Amino acid sequence: MYRKRLLAALSVGSLLLVGCSSGIREPPLVGQITNNQVLEVQVLASTDDAEESASGGVTRSSTTLELIRSASNQTVGLRFTGLTIPSGATIINAYLQFRAKASTSEATSLAIQAQAADNPLSFSGTSYNVSSRARTTASVAWSPAAWTLGTAGSAQRTPDLAPVLQEVVNRPGWTSGNALALIVTGTGKRVASAFDEGSANAPLLHVEYSTVDTPPVPTVEARISTGTDDAEESASGGVTRSSTTLELVRSTSDQTVGLRFSGLEIPRGVAITNAYLQFKASKTTSEVTSLTVQGQAADDAVSFSGSSYNISSRTRTTASVAWSPAAWTSGVAGSAQRTPDLAPVIQEIVGRPGWVSGNALALIVTGTGQRVARSYEGSPADAPLLHIEYSATDTPPNINRFAAEPGSVVKGQPISLSWSVSDPDGDPLSCTLDVNGDGVADHTISNCRTTTSQTHTYTTAGRYWPTLSVTDPDDASDTATASLHITNSTTVTVAAAGDIACDPLDPDFNGGAGTATNCRMKATSDLLLAMKPD
């Protein structure tokens, strides 16, 4: 179960933001947290509540809002600013709260919509400025009960307006902090306080919403960092590692280009969600070019050497990605200089059994045509860059073996607790060892891959169940328990120093204890016999 409690309040002028308790809930998705929030904001200016008559005249300075009949049925507009609701948030509940400015009880039927706008402007005095605004498809009907002067209770509160607000915050252009306008039409009459009657009594919008906090996508970026990590191999096999440019791929002939990226902190077996190479153009070129990008099929690719065919002779991944780059303009490092998604190629490498986080990988480019990119030697800051995004899904570590050796010893004698651990992702592992099995860690082992045992001496007899826990950097863990028996030793004195030691097998033995004929000598020290109680 996931447990989270949010208790926070922020008051800014007439804006109140309150975090409410989400209680106990299951998270909607692994790695996501649902936060429920409450937002309340009042009308904050004369130009943010307005009445439009049937003839189109707009009044913005009245101390009351007639919902809806004044001299005739009118259209009422209400605008609320600074709504810190994230785009795409789920609106759970919403309502308008009015304060009655007159006692009224006639039958009244109202409809509430929102302006279909990302960030609506204040109301102007222009004719029909309220009714001419585009409105949401969503609409909520309200038949309010009788109102009593001075009351701001449930009778003055609209039904749930969530469908109306949801349509607005789902708009592509909605941004947290925008304004929202509501438009009220209908028949009948209820009279509410307006902003100009007193800001404390102005209409209030109450919104409850939820958001999902998604952790950022793990991203690794590595740039060529040494001259031996970008190289060109000619058709005759000669390898150049010191050029200031990389011809992709025609130079005097079509060549093979190698790019190596080191220190890639990517756990083994993660899902690669996106990857690309980013080049910077060293020359303006536009000829038709067709390239293929593969990876070296190796766990930890080594730098390129000057040996003939050192690039093309390397075993390559089955996965490959085709690239037909658009025209390049010298000095530009944009989308035209960026490969398509290389995820299949990178996935094949990091999925290898021998891949370990921190290893290097090499990419190999072949094809026809020409695009000319900056190399490390040409400009280290503009050298090719590898961008990788991956899923943070973590595979837990494993305790392959945990044992107490020997399984039974006398108290006071040392015992060895040994183990073997592994991690499918290749992550570093730490362990805690609870020698008594009481839930308290007695030893912490920072690297329990290389340190594989711990000696402990038990001073009290009994049965023990020591527990080993292994944890990776993402807090995924595994636990194992061993069993051992610590015993007491029992010492029995057979003969004490100075006692006469008699030999019952002596032929002179006659059953007479203490006689010289059947006893040979005195014991010179205690003769002890140690026995286990079991």
Protein backbone atom coordinates (compact mmCIF):
# COMPACT_ATOMS: atom_id res chain seq x y z
CA MET A 1 0.00 0.00 0.00
CA TYR A 2 1.15 3.49 -0.70
CA ARG A 3 0.64 6.04 2.08
CA LYS A 4 0.84 9.77 1.55
CA ARG A 5 -0.55 12.73 3.48
CA LEU A 6 -0.46 16.28 2.18
CA LEU A 7 -1.19 19.04 4.67
CA ALA A 8 -0.21 22.46 3.38
CA ALA A 9 -1.86 25.84 3.07
CA LEU A 10 -0.71 28.91 1.18
CA SER A 11 -2.55 32.22 1.43
CA VAL A 12 -1.73 34.88 -1.17
CA GLY A 13 -4.09 37.86 -1.04
CA SER A 14 -7.52 36.42 -1.75
CA LEU A 15 -6.08 33.18 -3.12
CA LEU A 16 -6.10 30.11 -0.91
CA LEU A 17 -4.38 26.89 -1.90
CA VAL A 18 -4.91 23.97 0.43
CA GLY A 19 -3.43 20.49 0.10
CA CYS A 20 -5.82 17.82 1.30
CA SER A 21 -5.10 14.43 2.69
CA SER A 22 -5.10 11.71 0.10
CA GLY A 23 -5.43 9.10 2.83
CA ILE A 24 -4.26 5.61 1.97
CA ARG A 25 -4.33 4.65 -1.68
CA GLU A 26 -2.66 2.47 -4.24
CA PRO A 27 -0.46 4.46 -6.62
CA PRO A 28 -2.01 4.62 -10.11
CA LEU A 29 1.18 3.45 -11.81
CA VAL A 30 4.59 2.32 -10.64
CA GLY A 31 6.70 5.39 -9.94
CA GLN A 32 3.75 7.78 -9.83
CA ILE A 33 2.14 9.65 -6.93
CA THR A 34 -1.39 11.06 -7.00
CA ASN A 35 -1.79 14.39 -5.17
CA ASN A 36 -5.22 15.82 -4.39
CA GLN A 37 -5.32 19.61 -4.07
CA VAL A 38 -7.93 22.26 -3.31
CA LEU A 39 -7.87 25.73 -4.84
CA GLU A 40 -10.14 28.65 -3.88
CA VAL A 41 -10.07 32.06 -5.54
CA GLN A 42 -12.48 34.99 -5.50
CA VAL A 43 -13.26 37.61 -8.12
CA LEU A 44 -10.47 40.14 -7.62
CA ALA A 45 -11.44 43.15 -9.76
CA SER A 46 -14.44 45.18 -10.96
CA THR A 47 -13.69 44.11 -14.51
CA ASP A 48 -13.89 40.43 -13.55
CA ASP A 49 -17.64 40.29 -12.84
CA ALA A 50 -20.04 41.79 -15.35
CA GLU A 51 -23.69 41.82 -16.40
CA GLU A 52 -24.80 42.07 -20.01
CA SER A 53 -28.35 43.18 -20.78
CA ALA A 54 -30.50 41.72 -23.53
CA SER A 55 -29.56 44.73 -25.67
CA GLY A 56 -25.83 44.01 -25.23
CA GLY A 57 -24.90 46.72 -22.75
CA VAL A 58 -22.22 45.60 -20.27
CA THR A 59 -22.16 46.79 -16.64
CA ARG A 60 -19.00 46.15 -14.61
CA SER A 61 -19.48 48.39 -11.56
CA SER A 62 -22.71 47.15 -10.00
CA THR A 63 -22.64 46.11 -6.33
CA THR A 64 -24.96 43.21 -7.14
CA LEU A 65 -25.18 40.43 -9.68
CA GLU A 66 -28.72 39.61 -10.83
CA LEU A 67 -28.94 35.94 -11.73
CA ILE A 68 -30.55 36.42 -14.17
CA ARG A 69 -33.47 38.82 -14.41
CA SER A 70 -32.89 42.52 -13.99
CA ALA A 71 -34.97 44.66 -16.38
CA SER A 72 -34.72 41.63 -18.65
CA ASN A 73 -32.92 38.31 -18.61
CA GLN A 74 -29.22 39.07 -18.78
CA THR A 75 -25.93 37.22 -19.19
CA VAL A 76 -23.51 37.24 -16.24
CA GLY A 77 -19.77 36.77 -16.56
CA LEU A 78 -17.35 35.83 -13.77
CA ARG A 79 -13.58 35.70 -14.27
CA PHE A 80 -11.10 34.10 -11.85
CA THR A 81 -7.37 34.69 -12.20
CA GLY A 82 -4.21 32.87 -11.17
CA LEU A 83 -5.62 29.35 -11.18
CA THR A 84 -2.60 27.19 -10.38
CA ILE A 85 -4.09 24.05 -11.86
CA PRO A 86 -1.64 22.05 -13.99
CA SER A 87 -2.57 21.28 -17.57
CA GLY A 88 -4.39 17.96 -17.79
CA ALA A 89 -5.19 17.78 -14.06
CA THR A 90 -8.29 15.79 -13.16
CA ILE A 91 -11.03 18.02 -11.76
CA ILE A 92 -12.66 16.10 -8.92
CA ASN A 93 -15.16 18.72 -7.78
CA ALA A 94 -15.84 22.42 -8.40
CA TYR A 95 -18.48 24.96 -7.47
CA LEU A 96 -19.31 28.67 -7.30
CA GLN A 97 -20.15 30.11 -3.90
CA PHE A 98 -22.28 33.28 -3.82
CA ARG A 99 -23.49 35.49 -0.96
CA ALA A 100 -27.15 36.48 -1.12
CA LYS A 101 -27.69 40.24 -1.50
CA ALA A 102 -31.48 39.91 -1.41
CA SER A 103 -34.09 37.43 -0.21
CA THR A 104 -35.62 35.77 -3.29
CA SER A 105 -37.61 32.60 -3.81
CA GLU A 106 -39.10 32.66 -7.30
CA ALA A 107 -38.48 29.68 -9.57
CA THR A 108 -35.09 30.12 -11.17
CA SER A 109 -33.34 27.98 -13.77
CA LEU A 110 -29.71 28.71 -14.62
CA ALA A 111 -27.06 27.25 -16.92
CA ILE A 112 -23.32 27.61 -16.28
CA GLN A 113 -20.66 27.27 -18.95
CA ALA A 114 -17.05 28.42 -19.21
CA GLN A 115 -15.43 30.52 -21.87
CA ALA A 116 -13.66 28.17 -24.28
CA ALA A 117 -10.32 29.96 -24.01
CA ASP A 118 -6.87 29.17 -22.64
CA ASN A 119 -6.52 32.44 -20.72
CA PRO A 120 -9.58 34.72 -21.06
CA LEU A 121 -9.30 38.48 -20.76
CA SER A 122 -11.16 40.70 -18.32
CA PHE A 123 -14.61 41.90 -19.38
CA SER A 124 -14.69 45.15 -21.32
CA GLY A 125 -17.50 47.68 -21.77
CA THR A 126 -17.91 46.72 -25.42
CA SER A 127 -21.42 45.62 -26.36
CA TYR A 128 -22.04 41.89 -26.08
CA ASN A 129 -18.56 41.36 -24.60
CA VAL A 130 -19.90 38.61 -22.32
CA SER A 131 -22.32 36.69 -24.56
CA SER A 132 -20.10 36.86 -27.66
CA ARG A 133 -17.40 34.75 -26.06
CA ALA A 134 -17.08 31.16 -27.27
CA ARG A 135 -18.31 28.72 -24.63
CA THR A 136 -17.57 25.17 -23.57
CA THR A 137 -19.67 22.30 -24.79
CA ALA A 138 -20.01 21.22 -21.17
CA SER A 139 -22.82 22.94 -19.26
CA VAL A 140 -24.25 22.50 -15.75
CA ALA A 141 -27.90 23.24 -14.88
CA TRP A 142 -28.78 24.84 -11.54
CA SER A 143 -32.19 25.42 -9.99
CA PRO A 144 -31.24 27.18 -6.75
CA ALA A 145 -33.37 26.99 -3.61
CA ALA A 146 -34.74 30.17 -2.03
CA TRP A 147 -32.12 32.67 -0.88
CA THR A 148 -32.06 34.66 2.36
CA LEU A 149 -30.33 38.02 2.52
CA GLY A 150 -26.77 37.83 3.88
CA THR A 151 -26.49 34.06 3.60
CA ALA A 152 -23.58 32.24 1.91
CA GLY A 153 -24.44 28.58 2.37
CA SER A 154 -25.43 25.50 0.43
CA ALA A 155 -28.42 27.27 -1.20
CA GLN A 156 -26.03 29.81 -2.70
CA ARG A 157 -23.65 27.10 -3.95
CA THR A 158 -23.83 25.67 -7.47
CA PRO A 159 -23.86 21.96 -8.29
CA ASP A 160 -20.57 20.33 -9.29
CA LEU A 161 -18.97 22.24 -12.17
CA ALA A 162 -16.19 19.68 -12.74
CA PRO A 163 -17.22 18.86 -16.36
CA VAL A 164 -17.07 22.54 -17.30
CA LEU A 165 -13.66 23.18 -15.74
CA GLN A 166 -12.27 19.89 -17.04
CA GLU A 167 -12.94 20.97 -20.61
CA VAL A 168 -10.91 24.14 -20.03
CA VAL A 169 -7.86 22.64 -18.29
CA ASN A 170 -7.72 19.92 -20.96
CA ARG A 171 -7.17 22.54 -23.66
CA PRO A 172 -3.70 22.28 -25.28
CA GLY A 173 -2.97 25.91 -24.41
CA TRP A 174 -4.00 25.77 -20.76
CA THR A 175 -1.14 26.56 -18.36
CA SER A 176 -1.07 26.67 -14.58
CA GLY A 177 -1.66 30.26 -13.48
CA ASN A 178 -4.10 31.09 -16.27
CA ALA A 179 -7.49 32.74 -15.79
CA LEU A 180 -10.89 31.11 -16.29
CA ALA A 181 -14.24 32.78 -17.07
CA LEU A 182 -17.67 31.35 -16.28
CA ILE A 183 -20.84 32.52 -18.04
CA VAL A 184 -24.30 32.23 -16.46
CA THR A 185 -27.57 32.35 -18.42
CA GLY A 186 -31.18 31.34 -17.73
CA THR A 187 -34.44 32.61 -16.25
CA GLY A 188 -35.69 33.72 -12.84
CA LYS A 189 -33.86 35.71 -10.23
CA ARG A 190 -31.32 35.36 -7.43
CA VAL A 191 -29.31 38.42 -6.32
CA ALA A 192 -25.66 37.96 -5.26
CA SER A 193 -22.99 40.30 -3.94
CA ALA A 194 -20.57 41.56 -6.60
CA PHE A 195 -16.92 42.54 -6.17
CA ASP A 196 -17.93 46.20 -5.92
CA GLU A 197 -20.17 45.45 -2.93
CA GLY A 198 -17.06 44.37 -1.01
CA SER A 199 -14.21 42.11 -2.07
CA ALA A 200 -14.74 39.77 0.90
CA ASN A 201 -18.24 38.96 -0.39
CA ALA A 202 -17.28 38.54 -4.05
CA PRO A 203 -18.14 35.26 -5.79
CA LEU A 204 -15.72 32.44 -4.98
CA LEU A 205 -14.64 29.53 -7.16
CA HIS A 206 -13.76 26.31 -5.32
CA VAL A 207 -11.84 23.63 -7.26
CA GLU A 208 -10.64 20.21 -6.14
CA TYR A 209 -8.26 18.47 -8.51
CA SER A 210 -5.69 15.70 -8.65
CA THR A 211 -2.37 15.48 -10.40
CA VAL A 212 0.03 12.66 -11.07
CA ASP A 213 3.67 13.36 -10.33
CA THR A 214 5.76 11.35 -12.77
CA PRO A 215 9.47 11.08 -12.09
CA PRO A 216 11.66 12.53 -14.83
CA VAL A 217 12.80 10.10 -17.51
CA PRO A 218 16.32 8.87 -16.71
CA THR A 219 18.59 10.38 -19.37
CA VAL A 220 22.26 9.82 -20.13
CA GLU A 221 24.27 12.06 -22.45
CA ALA A 222 27.86 11.38 -23.39
CA ARG A 223 30.11 13.23 -25.80
CA ILE A 224 33.22 11.88 -27.52
CA SER A 225 35.93 12.72 -24.98
CA THR A 226 39.21 11.61 -26.56
CA GLY A 227 40.83 11.52 -29.98
CA THR A 228 40.86 7.71 -30.10
CA ASP A 229 37.07 7.52 -29.70
CA ASP A 230 36.10 8.88 -33.13
CA ALA A 231 37.78 7.41 -36.19
CA GLU A 232 37.42 6.97 -39.94
CA GLU A 233 38.40 3.85 -41.86
CA SER A 234 39.04 4.08 -45.61
CA ALA A 235 38.00 1.46 -48.14
CA SER A 236 41.58 0.13 -48.06
CA GLY A 237 41.43 -0.33 -44.26
CA GLY A 238 43.52 2.62 -43.13
CA VAL A 239 42.28 4.15 -39.85
CA THR A 240 42.48 7.90 -39.17
CA ARG A 241 41.94 9.12 -35.60
CA SER A 242 43.20 12.70 -35.81
CA SER A 243 40.98 14.35 -38.42
CA THR A 244 39.18 17.57 -37.46
CA THR A 245 36.06 16.39 -39.33
CA LEU A 246 34.07 13.20 -39.75
CA GLU A 247 32.94 12.47 -43.31
CA LEU A 248 29.67 10.56 -43.25
CA VAL A 249 30.65 8.67 -45.24
CA ARG A 250 32.31 9.69 -48.51
CA SER A 251 35.81 11.10 -48.39
CA THR A 252 37.97 9.94 -51.32
CA SER A 253 35.83 6.80 -51.13
CA ASP A 254 32.98 5.58 -48.96
CA GLN A 255 34.42 4.96 -45.51
CA THR A 256 33.37 3.43 -42.20
CA VAL A 257 33.07 5.77 -39.22
CA GLY A 258 33.40 4.64 -35.60
CA LEU A 259 32.17 6.51 -32.53
CA ARG A 260 32.84 5.33 -28.97
CA PHE A 261 31.11 6.66 -25.85
CA SER A 262 32.46 5.73 -22.42
CA GLY A 263 31.17 5.79 -18.85
CA LEU A 264 27.52 5.18 -19.72
CA GLU A 265 25.68 4.85 -16.40
CA ILE A 266 22.90 2.65 -17.76
CA PRO A 267 21.86 -0.42 -15.74
CA ARG A 268 21.88 -3.70 -17.63
CA GLY A 269 18.58 -4.82 -19.07
CA VAL A 270 16.65 -1.54 -18.75
CA ALA A 271 14.24 -0.59 -21.52
CA ILE A 272 15.75 2.00 -23.86
CA THR A 273 12.91 4.36 -24.77
CA ASN A 274 14.77 6.80 -27.03
CA ALA A 275 18.31 7.38 -28.26
CA TYR A 276 20.02 9.46 -30.91
CA LEU A 277 23.34 10.83 -32.13
CA GLN A 278 23.67 14.60 -32.37
CA PHE A 279 26.26 16.00 -34.77
CA LYS A 280 27.31 19.57 -35.56
CA ALA A 281 27.73 20.34 -39.25
CA SER A 282 31.25 21.30 -40.29
CA LYS A 283 30.26 21.91 -43.90
CA THR A 284 27.18 22.81 -45.93
CA THR A 285 26.13 19.70 -47.89
CA SER A 286 22.90 18.63 -49.56
CA GLU A 287 23.63 15.62 -51.77
CA VAL A 288 21.49 12.52 -51.35
CA THR A 289 22.94 10.55 -48.45
CA SER A 290 21.90 7.17 -47.07
CA LEU A 291 23.47 5.96 -43.83
CA THR A 292 23.18 2.93 -41.56
CA VAL A 293 23.97 3.02 -37.84
CA GLN A 294 24.82 -0.14 -35.89
CA GLY A 295 26.51 -0.84 -32.58
CA GLN A 296 29.53 -2.95 -31.79
CA ALA A 297 28.30 -6.22 -30.30
CA ALA A 298 30.53 -6.00 -27.23
CA ASP A 299 30.02 -5.61 -23.48
CA ASP A 300 32.60 -2.83 -23.08
CA ALA A 301 33.93 -1.53 -26.39
CA VAL A 302 37.60 -0.50 -26.47
CA SER A 303 38.95 2.65 -28.13
CA PHE A 304 39.86 2.56 -31.81
CA SER A 305 43.44 1.70 -32.70
CA GLY A 306 45.46 2.55 -35.80
CA SER A 307 45.43 -1.07 -36.97
CA SER A 308 44.05 -1.70 -40.43
CA TYR A 309 40.32 -2.43 -40.51
CA ASN A 310 40.03 -1.80 -36.75
CA ILE A 311 36.51 -0.39 -37.20
CA SER A 312 34.93 -2.56 -39.87
CA SER A 313 36.33 -5.78 -38.39
CA ARG A 314 34.36 -5.33 -35.18
CA THR A 315 31.33 -7.57 -34.71
CA ARG A 316 28.15 -5.53 -35.04
CA THR A 317 24.67 -5.67 -33.61
CA THR A 318 21.87 -7.35 -35.50
CA ALA A 319 19.82 -4.19 -34.97
CA SER A 320 20.48 -1.30 -37.34
CA VAL A 321 18.84 2.05 -38.05
CA ALA A 322 18.66 3.70 -41.48
CA TRP A 323 19.16 7.46 -41.78
CA SER A 324 18.66 9.70 -44.80
CA PRO A 325 19.66 13.09 -43.38
CA ALA A 326 18.26 16.35 -44.70
CA ALA A 327 20.63 19.01 -46.05
CA TRP A 328 23.17 20.36 -43.56
CA THR A 329 24.23 23.96 -43.03
CA SER A 330 27.69 24.63 -41.65
CA GLY A 331 27.75 25.40 -37.93
CA VAL A 332 24.27 24.03 -37.21
CA ALA A 333 23.53 21.32 -34.62
CA GLY A 334 19.78 20.81 -34.94
CA SER A 335 17.20 18.25 -35.97
CA ALA A 336 18.77 17.79 -39.43
CA GLN A 337 22.01 16.72 -37.77
CA ARG A 338 20.23 14.29 -35.42
CA THR A 339 19.76 10.61 -36.21
CA PRO A 340 16.44 8.79 -35.97
CA ASP A 341 15.73 6.82 -32.80
CA LEU A 342 18.61 4.39 -32.15
CA ALA A 343 16.82 2.61 -29.27
CA PRO A 344 16.88 -0.85 -30.96
CA VAL A 345 20.67 -0.66 -31.39
CA ILE A 346 21.37 0.53 -27.84
CA GLN A 347 18.88 -1.98 -26.42
CA GLU A 348 20.76 -4.88 -27.96
CA ILE A 349 23.98 -3.75 -26.28
CA VAL A 350 22.70 -3.00 -22.77
CA GLY A 351 20.74 -6.25 -22.86
CA ARG A 352 23.93 -8.29 -23.22
CA PRO A 353 24.69 -10.53 -20.17
CA GLY A 354 28.08 -8.87 -19.75
CA TRP A 355 26.91 -5.27 -19.89
CA VAL A 356 27.59 -3.34 -16.66
CA SER A 357 26.59 0.21 -15.83
CA GLY A 358 29.56 2.46 -16.58
CA ASN A 359 30.70 0.49 -19.63
CA ALA A 360 31.46 1.94 -23.06
CA LEU A 361 29.66 1.30 -26.35
CA ALA A 362 30.71 1.94 -29.93
CA LEU A 363 28.52 2.90 -32.88
CA ILE A 364 29.52 2.21 -36.48
CA VAL A 365 28.22 4.25 -39.43
CA THR A 366 28.29 3.06 -43.05
CA GLY A 367 26.49 4.05 -46.25
CA THR A 368 26.77 6.38 -49.23
CA GLY A 369 26.74 10.13 -49.82
CA GLN A 370 28.26 12.85 -47.66
CA ARG A 371 27.55 14.87 -44.55
CA VAL A 372 30.54 16.44 -42.76
CA ALA A 373 30.47 16.71 -38.95
CA ARG A 374 32.81 18.18 -36.36
CA SER A 375 35.07 15.64 -34.65
CA TYR A 376 36.67 15.70 -31.21
CA GLU A 377 39.89 17.02 -32.72
CA GLY A 378 37.99 19.75 -34.56
CA SER A 379 36.22 20.97 -31.41
CA PRO A 380 35.76 18.90 -28.21
CA ALA A 381 32.67 20.95 -27.30
CA ASP A 382 31.11 20.13 -30.69
CA ALA A 383 32.11 16.47 -30.81
CA PRO A 384 29.35 13.93 -31.52
CA LEU A 385 26.95 13.46 -28.61
CA LEU A 386 24.97 10.35 -27.70
CA HIS A 387 21.62 10.93 -25.99
CA ILE A 388 19.87 7.98 -24.31
CA GLU A 389 16.58 7.80 -22.41
CA TYR A 390 15.58 4.65 -20.58
CA SER A 391 12.85 3.30 -18.36
CA ALA A 392 13.67 3.40 -14.66
CA THR A 393 12.13 -0.02 -14.05
CA ASP A 394 14.52 -1.79 -11.70
CA THR A 395 15.10 -5.53 -11.40
CA PRO A 396 15.67 -6.48 -7.76
CA PRO A 397 18.98 -8.03 -6.67
CA ASN A 398 19.24 -11.69 -5.67
CA ILE A 399 20.77 -13.52 -2.72
CA ASN A 400 21.98 -16.71 -4.33
CA ARG A 401 23.32 -18.29 -1.13
CA PHE A 402 23.40 -17.44 2.58
CA ALA A 403 24.69 -19.93 5.14
CA ALA A 404 26.05 -20.25 8.69
CA GLU A 405 29.14 -22.47 8.79
CA PRO A 406 29.22 -24.61 10.84
CA GLY A 407 25.56 -24.75 11.67
CA SER A 408 26.16 -25.68 15.31
CA VAL A 409 28.97 -24.53 17.61
CA VAL A 410 29.66 -24.05 21.30
CA LYS A 411 29.08 -20.51 22.50
CA GLY A 412 32.19 -18.37 22.44
CA GLN A 413 33.50 -19.98 19.27
CA PRO A 414 33.46 -17.93 16.02
CA ILE A 415 31.09 -18.78 13.23
CA SER A 416 31.25 -17.67 9.58
CA LEU A 417 28.18 -16.20 7.89
CA SER A 418 28.81 -16.28 4.13
CA TRP A 419 26.83 -15.31 1.04
CA SER A 420 26.72 -14.81 -2.70
CA VAL A 421 24.67 -11.97 -4.24
CA SER A 422 23.97 -10.77 -7.78
CA ASP A 423 21.97 -8.11 -9.62
CA PRO A 424 20.46 -8.53 -13.11
CA ASP A 425 20.95 -4.81 -13.78
CA GLY A 426 24.62 -4.86 -12.83
CA ASP A 427 24.02 -2.31 -10.07
CA PRO A 428 26.37 -1.94 -7.08
CA LEU A 429 25.01 -3.74 -4.03
CA SER A 430 25.16 -3.14 -0.29
CA CYS A 431 24.10 -5.50 2.47
CA THR A 432 23.04 -5.42 6.09
CA LEU A 433 23.49 -8.41 8.37
CA ASP A 434 21.25 -9.02 11.37
CA VAL A 435 23.13 -11.74 13.26
CA ASN A 436 20.43 -12.27 15.90
CA GLY A 437 17.40 -12.15 13.62
CA ASP A 438 15.84 -9.49 15.84
CA GLY A 439 15.33 -6.89 13.13
CA VAL A 440 18.38 -4.84 14.12
CA ALA A 441 21.26 -4.63 11.62
CA ASP A 442 24.56 -5.50 13.32
CA HIS A 443 26.83 -5.15 10.29
CA THR A 444 26.68 -3.00 7.14
CA ILE A 445 28.67 -4.18 4.12
CA SER A 446 29.08 -1.42 1.53
CA ASN A 447 30.07 -3.78 -1.29
CA CYS A 448 28.74 -7.25 -0.65
CA ARG A 449 29.70 -8.49 -4.09
CA THR A 450 33.39 -8.55 -3.14
CA THR A 451 33.00 -8.95 0.64
CA THR A 452 31.24 -12.28 0.92
CA SER A 453 31.45 -13.28 4.59
CA GLN A 454 31.31 -11.97 8.14
CA THR A 455 32.63 -13.69 11.28
CA HIS A 456 30.61 -13.44 14.47
CA THR A 457 30.93 -14.92 17.97
CA TYR A 458 27.77 -15.74 19.89
CA THR A 459 28.04 -15.58 23.69
CA THR A 460 24.62 -16.95 24.55
CA ALA A 461 23.38 -20.43 23.76
CA GLY A 462 20.22 -20.87 21.74
CA ARG A 463 18.86 -21.10 18.22
CA TYR A 464 19.45 -18.13 15.94
CA TRP A 465 18.11 -17.10 12.55
CA PRO A 466 20.55 -14.51 11.16
CA THR A 467 19.15 -12.43 8.27
CA LEU A 468 20.95 -10.93 5.28
CA SER A 469 19.38 -8.08 3.26
CA VAL A 470 20.82 -6.85 -0.05
CA THR A 471 19.82 -3.50 -1.61
CA ASP A 472 20.57 -1.81 -4.94
CA PRO A 473 20.76 1.98 -5.54
CA ASP A 474 17.03 2.08 -6.39
CA ASP A 475 16.15 0.49 -3.02
CA ALA A 476 15.07 -2.80 -4.58
CA SER A 477 16.06 -5.58 -2.20
CA ASP A 478 16.16 -9.26 -1.37
CA THR A 479 16.33 -11.02 2.01
CA ALA A 480 17.48 -14.46 3.13
CA THR A 481 17.62 -16.21 6.52
CA ALA A 482 19.99 -18.90 7.81
CA SER A 483 19.64 -21.16 10.87
CA LEU A 484 22.22 -22.09 13.49
CA HIS A 485 22.44 -23.62 16.98
CA ILE A 486 24.72 -22.23 19.70
CA THR A 487 25.25 -24.69 22.58
CA ASN A 488 26.59 -24.62 26.14
CA SER A 489 29.62 -26.79 27.08
CA THR A 490 29.39 -29.12 30.17
CA THR A 491 32.64 -29.93 32.03
CA VAL A 492 32.88 -33.04 34.31
CA THR A 493 35.88 -33.63 36.63
CA VAL A 494 36.94 -37.28 36.42
CA ALA A 495 39.94 -36.99 38.70
CA ALA A 496 41.28 -34.03 40.59
CA ALA A 497 44.95 -33.28 41.15
CA GLY A 498 46.32 -35.36 44.07
CA ASP A 499 43.73 -38.13 43.75
CA ILE A 500 44.94 -41.72 43.50
CA ALA A 501 44.39 -43.01 39.98
CA CYS A 502 43.59 -46.71 39.99
CA ASP A 503 43.62 -49.08 37.07
CA PRO A 504 40.84 -51.65 37.30
CA LEU A 505 42.51 -53.71 34.56
CA ASP A 506 45.67 -54.21 36.60
CA PRO A 507 46.08 -57.96 37.36
CA ASP A 508 46.75 -57.06 40.98
CA PHE A 509 43.44 -55.21 41.28
CA ASN A 510 41.47 -56.75 44.13
CA GLY A 511 38.70 -54.25 44.53
CA GLY A 512 40.34 -52.60 47.48
CA ALA A 513 40.35 -48.93 46.77
CA GLY A 514 43.33 -46.95 47.90
CA THR A 515 45.69 -49.91 48.28
CA ALA A 516 49.18 -49.86 46.88
CA THR A 517 48.67 -53.07 44.93
CA ASN A 518 45.94 -51.79 42.58
CA CYS A 519 46.80 -48.13 42.29
CA ARG A 520 49.80 -47.02 40.28
CA MET A 521 50.12 -43.27 40.72
CA LYS A 522 48.52 -40.04 41.78
CA ALA A 523 46.96 -37.68 39.24
CA THR A 524 49.17 -34.66 38.77
CA SER A 525 46.36 -32.40 37.45
CA ASP A 526 42.60 -32.35 36.94
CA LEU A 527 41.33 -34.77 34.32
CA LEU A 528 38.39 -33.06 32.61
CA LEU A 529 35.74 -34.33 30.19
CA ALA A 530 33.80 -31.74 28.16
CA MET A 531 30.38 -32.88 26.93
CA LYS A 532 27.67 -31.21 24.86
CA PRO A 533 24.30 -31.19 26.61
CA ASP A 534 22.65 -32.91 23.65
